[in-house]
Amino acid sequence: MAVETATELAIFFETDDFAVDATFTPVGGTASTVKGIFDKEYLEMESGGSVAFAINQPRFVCATSDVSTAAEGDAIVISETDYKIVVVQEDGTGPTTLVLEEQ
């Protein structure tokens, strides 16, 4: 289901609840403040044998309109930590998930 309006999406990213402010800077571009939900999910990975291990996979979900130019290699700062965007996942419904790598 697509989000009906930008206002409805903005409510989802209000910093009074779960969202935080971040500074998004495209390569060669100007920094801007965006609001989104930050998560450092642990993912279980297999090493090719019988031993599994967990890695940290930080993600930032925000309004697509706020990061419409986002690409691999762009920068984002969240809670004073620098990240590089490694994957941009736009699903066509209004939000975009940025998969991050801590710098």
N, C-alpha and C. Protein backbone atom coordinates (compact mmCIF):
# COMPACT_ATOMS: atom_id res chain seq x y z
N MET A 1 0.85 -1.17 0.00
CA MET A 1 0.00 0.00 0.00
C MET A 1 0.90 1.24 0.00
N ALA A 2 0.68 2.12 -0.94
CA ALA A 2 1.46 3.35 -1.03
C ALA A 2 0.98 4.36 0.00
N VAL A 3 1.91 5.16 0.47
CA VAL A 3 1.56 6.22 1.41
C VAL A 3 0.81 7.29 0.63
N GLU A 4 -0.31 7.74 1.16
CA GLU A 4 -1.18 8.68 0.46
C GLU A 4 -0.56 10.06 0.30
N THR A 5 0.01 10.62 1.36
CA THR A 5 0.53 11.98 1.28
C THR A 5 1.87 12.08 2.01
N ALA A 6 2.60 13.13 1.70
CA ALA A 6 3.86 13.39 2.40
C ALA A 6 3.61 13.63 3.88
N THR A 7 2.46 14.21 4.23
CA THR A 7 2.12 14.47 5.63
C THR A 7 1.99 13.17 6.41
N GLU A 8 1.34 12.18 5.82
CA GLU A 8 1.20 10.89 6.49
C GLU A 8 2.56 10.25 6.73
N LEU A 9 3.47 10.35 5.77
CA LEU A 9 4.80 9.79 5.91
C LEU A 9 5.60 10.56 6.95
N ALA A 10 5.46 11.87 6.99
CA ALA A 10 6.18 12.70 7.97
C ALA A 10 5.82 12.31 9.39
N ILE A 11 4.57 11.96 9.63
CA ILE A 11 4.14 11.54 10.96
C ILE A 11 4.91 10.30 11.39
N PHE A 12 5.15 9.40 10.47
CA PHE A 12 5.88 8.17 10.76
C PHE A 12 7.31 8.46 11.24
N PHE A 13 7.90 9.56 10.75
CA PHE A 13 9.29 9.89 11.06
C PHE A 13 9.43 11.04 12.06
N GLU A 14 8.44 11.28 12.89
CA GLU A 14 8.55 12.32 13.91
C GLU A 14 9.57 11.92 14.96
N THR A 15 10.44 12.86 15.34
CA THR A 15 11.49 12.56 16.32
C THR A 15 10.97 12.47 17.75
N ASP A 16 9.69 12.78 17.97
CA ASP A 16 9.10 12.62 19.30
C ASP A 16 8.91 11.14 19.64
N ASP A 17 8.93 10.30 18.64
CA ASP A 17 8.72 8.87 18.87
C ASP A 17 10.02 8.10 18.65
N PHE A 18 10.16 7.43 17.51
CA PHE A 18 11.31 6.56 17.28
C PHE A 18 12.35 7.16 16.35
N ALA A 19 12.01 8.16 15.60
CA ALA A 19 12.93 8.70 14.60
C ALA A 19 14.00 9.60 15.23
N VAL A 20 15.08 9.77 14.48
CA VAL A 20 16.19 10.65 14.89
C VAL A 20 16.54 11.54 13.71
N ASP A 21 17.23 12.64 14.01
CA ASP A 21 17.76 13.50 12.96
C ASP A 21 19.10 12.95 12.50
N ALA A 22 19.36 13.04 11.21
CA ALA A 22 20.63 12.62 10.64
C ALA A 22 21.05 13.65 9.61
N THR A 23 22.34 13.68 9.31
CA THR A 23 22.86 14.59 8.28
C THR A 23 23.27 13.76 7.08
N PHE A 24 22.57 13.95 5.98
CA PHE A 24 22.81 13.23 4.73
C PHE A 24 23.61 14.12 3.80
N THR A 25 24.71 13.59 3.25
CA THR A 25 25.54 14.36 2.32
C THR A 25 25.86 13.51 1.09
N PRO A 26 25.27 13.84 -0.06
CA PRO A 26 25.62 13.12 -1.27
C PRO A 26 27.06 13.47 -1.68
N VAL A 27 27.74 12.55 -2.35
CA VAL A 27 29.10 12.81 -2.82
C VAL A 27 29.07 14.06 -3.70
N GLY A 28 29.90 15.05 -3.34
CA GLY A 28 29.97 16.29 -4.10
C GLY A 28 28.78 17.21 -3.90
N GLY A 29 27.91 16.89 -2.95
CA GLY A 29 26.71 17.68 -2.74
C GLY A 29 26.71 18.41 -1.42
N THR A 30 25.58 18.98 -1.10
CA THR A 30 25.39 19.75 0.11
C THR A 30 24.68 18.92 1.17
N ALA A 31 25.11 19.07 2.42
CA ALA A 31 24.51 18.33 3.53
C ALA A 31 23.10 18.83 3.81
N SER A 32 22.24 17.91 4.23
CA SER A 32 20.88 18.27 4.65
C SER A 32 20.47 17.38 5.82
N THR A 33 19.58 17.90 6.64
CA THR A 33 19.07 17.14 7.77
C THR A 33 17.86 16.34 7.33
N VAL A 34 17.87 15.05 7.66
CA VAL A 34 16.75 14.17 7.35
C VAL A 34 16.33 13.46 8.63
N LYS A 35 15.08 13.07 8.67
CA LYS A 35 14.54 12.35 9.83
C LYS A 35 14.29 10.91 9.40
N GLY A 36 14.62 9.98 10.30
CA GLY A 36 14.39 8.59 9.97
C GLY A 36 14.56 7.70 11.18
N ILE A 37 14.34 6.43 10.96
CA ILE A 37 14.46 5.44 12.03
C ILE A 37 15.74 4.65 11.82
N PHE A 38 16.61 4.69 12.82
CA PHE A 38 17.90 4.03 12.77
C PHE A 38 17.83 2.70 13.51
N ASP A 39 18.43 1.67 12.92
CA ASP A 39 18.42 0.35 13.52
C ASP A 39 19.77 -0.31 13.26
N LYS A 40 20.32 -0.95 14.28
CA LYS A 40 21.57 -1.70 14.14
C LYS A 40 21.28 -3.18 14.37
N GLU A 41 20.53 -3.74 13.46
CA GLU A 41 20.10 -5.13 13.55
C GLU A 41 21.31 -6.08 13.45
N TYR A 42 21.27 -7.13 14.24
CA TYR A 42 22.28 -8.18 14.13
C TYR A 42 21.74 -9.27 13.21
N LEU A 43 22.55 -9.65 12.24
CA LEU A 43 22.17 -10.69 11.30
C LEU A 43 23.06 -11.90 11.49
N GLU A 44 22.47 -13.08 11.49
CA GLU A 44 23.25 -14.29 11.61
C GLU A 44 23.78 -14.68 10.23
N MET A 45 25.06 -14.95 10.17
CA MET A 45 25.72 -15.31 8.92
C MET A 45 26.34 -16.70 9.08
N GLU A 46 26.40 -17.43 7.98
CA GLU A 46 27.08 -18.72 8.00
C GLU A 46 28.46 -18.55 7.40
N SER A 47 29.44 -19.21 7.97
CA SER A 47 30.81 -19.06 7.53
C SER A 47 31.20 -20.07 6.46
N GLY A 48 30.27 -20.84 5.98
CA GLY A 48 30.57 -21.86 5.00
C GLY A 48 30.71 -23.23 5.63
N GLY A 49 30.82 -23.26 6.93
CA GLY A 49 30.90 -24.53 7.67
C GLY A 49 29.71 -24.64 8.59
N SER A 50 29.94 -25.26 9.70
CA SER A 50 28.84 -25.44 10.66
C SER A 50 28.79 -24.33 11.69
N VAL A 51 29.73 -23.37 11.62
CA VAL A 51 29.78 -22.30 12.60
C VAL A 51 29.08 -21.06 12.04
N ALA A 52 28.15 -20.53 12.80
CA ALA A 52 27.46 -19.30 12.41
C ALA A 52 27.98 -18.16 13.28
N PHE A 53 27.89 -16.96 12.77
CA PHE A 53 28.28 -15.79 13.55
C PHE A 53 27.32 -14.66 13.22
N ALA A 54 27.32 -13.62 14.06
CA ALA A 54 26.41 -12.49 13.86
C ALA A 54 27.21 -11.25 13.49
N ILE A 55 26.66 -10.48 12.58
CA ILE A 55 27.26 -9.20 12.23
C ILE A 55 26.24 -8.10 12.47
N ASN A 56 26.74 -6.91 12.66
CA ASN A 56 25.89 -5.74 12.86
C ASN A 56 25.61 -5.12 11.50
N GLN A 57 24.34 -4.88 11.17
CA GLN A 57 23.99 -4.27 9.88
C GLN A 57 23.15 -3.02 10.12
N PRO A 58 23.80 -1.85 10.27
CA PRO A 58 23.04 -0.63 10.51
C PRO A 58 22.21 -0.24 9.28
N ARG A 59 21.00 0.25 9.57
CA ARG A 59 20.06 0.69 8.53
C ARG A 59 19.39 1.97 8.98
N PHE A 60 19.02 2.79 8.02
CA PHE A 60 18.31 4.03 8.29
C PHE A 60 17.13 4.09 7.33
N VAL A 61 15.92 4.13 7.86
CA VAL A 61 14.72 4.20 7.04
C VAL A 61 14.19 5.62 7.11
N CYS A 62 13.99 6.23 5.94
CA CYS A 62 13.55 7.62 5.88
C CYS A 62 12.67 7.83 4.65
N ALA A 63 12.15 9.03 4.51
CA ALA A 63 11.30 9.35 3.37
C ALA A 63 12.14 9.39 2.10
N THR A 64 11.68 8.72 1.07
CA THR A 64 12.38 8.71 -0.21
C THR A 64 12.60 10.12 -0.72
N SER A 65 11.64 11.00 -0.51
CA SER A 65 11.77 12.38 -0.99
C SER A 65 12.93 13.11 -0.34
N ASP A 66 13.33 12.70 0.87
CA ASP A 66 14.46 13.34 1.56
C ASP A 66 15.81 12.86 1.05
N VAL A 67 15.84 11.67 0.43
CA VAL A 67 17.11 11.10 -0.04
C VAL A 67 16.97 10.63 -1.49
N SER A 68 16.23 11.38 -2.29
CA SER A 68 15.93 10.95 -3.66
C SER A 68 17.18 10.80 -4.52
N THR A 69 18.27 11.47 -4.14
CA THR A 69 19.52 11.36 -4.90
C THR A 69 20.51 10.39 -4.26
N ALA A 70 20.12 9.71 -3.19
CA ALA A 70 21.03 8.83 -2.45
C ALA A 70 21.60 7.74 -3.36
N ALA A 71 22.91 7.50 -3.18
CA ALA A 71 23.61 6.49 -3.96
C ALA A 71 24.70 5.86 -3.10
N GLU A 72 25.18 4.72 -3.53
CA GLU A 72 26.28 4.07 -2.83
C GLU A 72 27.45 5.05 -2.73
N GLY A 73 28.05 5.11 -1.54
CA GLY A 73 29.19 5.99 -1.32
C GLY A 73 28.85 7.32 -0.68
N ASP A 74 27.57 7.69 -0.69
CA ASP A 74 27.16 8.93 -0.02
C ASP A 74 27.34 8.75 1.49
N ALA A 75 27.35 9.87 2.20
CA ALA A 75 27.60 9.85 3.64
C ALA A 75 26.35 10.22 4.43
N ILE A 76 26.27 9.68 5.64
CA ILE A 76 25.21 10.06 6.56
C ILE A 76 25.80 9.98 7.98
N VAL A 77 25.48 10.98 8.79
CA VAL A 77 25.94 11.01 10.18
C VAL A 77 24.72 10.85 11.07
N ILE A 78 24.79 9.86 11.97
CA ILE A 78 23.69 9.57 12.88
C ILE A 78 24.28 9.48 14.29
N SER A 79 23.76 10.30 15.19
CA SER A 79 24.24 10.31 16.57
C SER A 79 25.77 10.42 16.64
N GLU A 80 26.30 11.34 15.87
CA GLU A 80 27.73 11.64 15.84
C GLU A 80 28.60 10.52 15.30
N THR A 81 28.01 9.52 14.64
CA THR A 81 28.76 8.44 14.03
C THR A 81 28.65 8.57 12.52
N ASP A 82 29.80 8.48 11.83
CA ASP A 82 29.84 8.58 10.37
C ASP A 82 29.58 7.21 9.74
N TYR A 83 28.71 7.22 8.73
CA TYR A 83 28.39 6.01 7.97
C TYR A 83 28.52 6.31 6.49
N LYS A 84 28.82 5.26 5.73
CA LYS A 84 28.77 5.32 4.27
C LYS A 84 27.57 4.49 3.83
N ILE A 85 26.83 4.99 2.85
CA ILE A 85 25.70 4.24 2.31
C ILE A 85 26.25 3.17 1.37
N VAL A 86 25.88 1.91 1.63
CA VAL A 86 26.36 0.82 0.78
C VAL A 86 25.25 0.24 -0.10
N VAL A 87 24.00 0.43 0.29
CA VAL A 87 22.86 -0.03 -0.52
C VAL A 87 21.71 0.93 -0.30
N VAL A 88 21.01 1.29 -1.38
CA VAL A 88 19.80 2.11 -1.31
C VAL A 88 18.64 1.21 -1.71
N GLN A 89 17.68 1.02 -0.79
CA GLN A 89 16.54 0.15 -1.05
C GLN A 89 15.25 0.98 -1.04
N GLU A 90 14.83 1.40 -2.23
CA GLU A 90 13.58 2.14 -2.37
C GLU A 90 12.51 1.14 -2.79
N ASP A 91 11.39 1.12 -2.04
CA ASP A 91 10.37 0.12 -2.35
C ASP A 91 9.18 0.68 -3.12
N GLY A 92 9.18 1.98 -3.43
CA GLY A 92 8.12 2.56 -4.22
C GLY A 92 6.88 2.98 -3.44
N THR A 93 6.89 2.82 -2.11
CA THR A 93 5.72 3.19 -1.32
C THR A 93 5.92 4.46 -0.51
N GLY A 94 7.11 5.09 -0.59
CA GLY A 94 7.37 6.32 0.15
C GLY A 94 8.62 6.30 0.99
N PRO A 95 8.89 5.23 1.74
CA PRO A 95 10.14 5.17 2.50
C PRO A 95 11.27 4.50 1.71
N THR A 96 12.49 4.83 2.07
CA THR A 96 13.70 4.20 1.53
C THR A 96 14.53 3.70 2.69
N THR A 97 15.11 2.53 2.56
CA THR A 97 16.04 1.99 3.54
C THR A 97 17.45 2.17 3.01
N LEU A 98 18.29 2.81 3.83
CA LEU A 98 19.70 2.97 3.49
C LEU A 98 20.48 1.95 4.33
N VAL A 99 21.16 1.03 3.68
CA VAL A 99 22.01 0.08 4.38
C VAL A 99 23.36 0.76 4.52
N LEU A 100 23.89 0.74 5.74
CA LEU A 100 25.05 1.57 6.08
C LEU A 100 26.26 0.74 6.51
N GLU A 101 27.43 1.39 6.40
CA GLU A 101 28.67 0.82 6.90
C GLU A 101 29.34 1.89 7.75
N GLU A 102 29.64 1.55 9.01
CA GLU A 102 30.27 2.53 9.91
C GLU A 102 31.66 2.85 9.40
N GLN A 103 32.02 4.12 9.46
CA GLN A 103 33.34 4.58 8.99
C GLN A 103 34.28 4.80 10.13
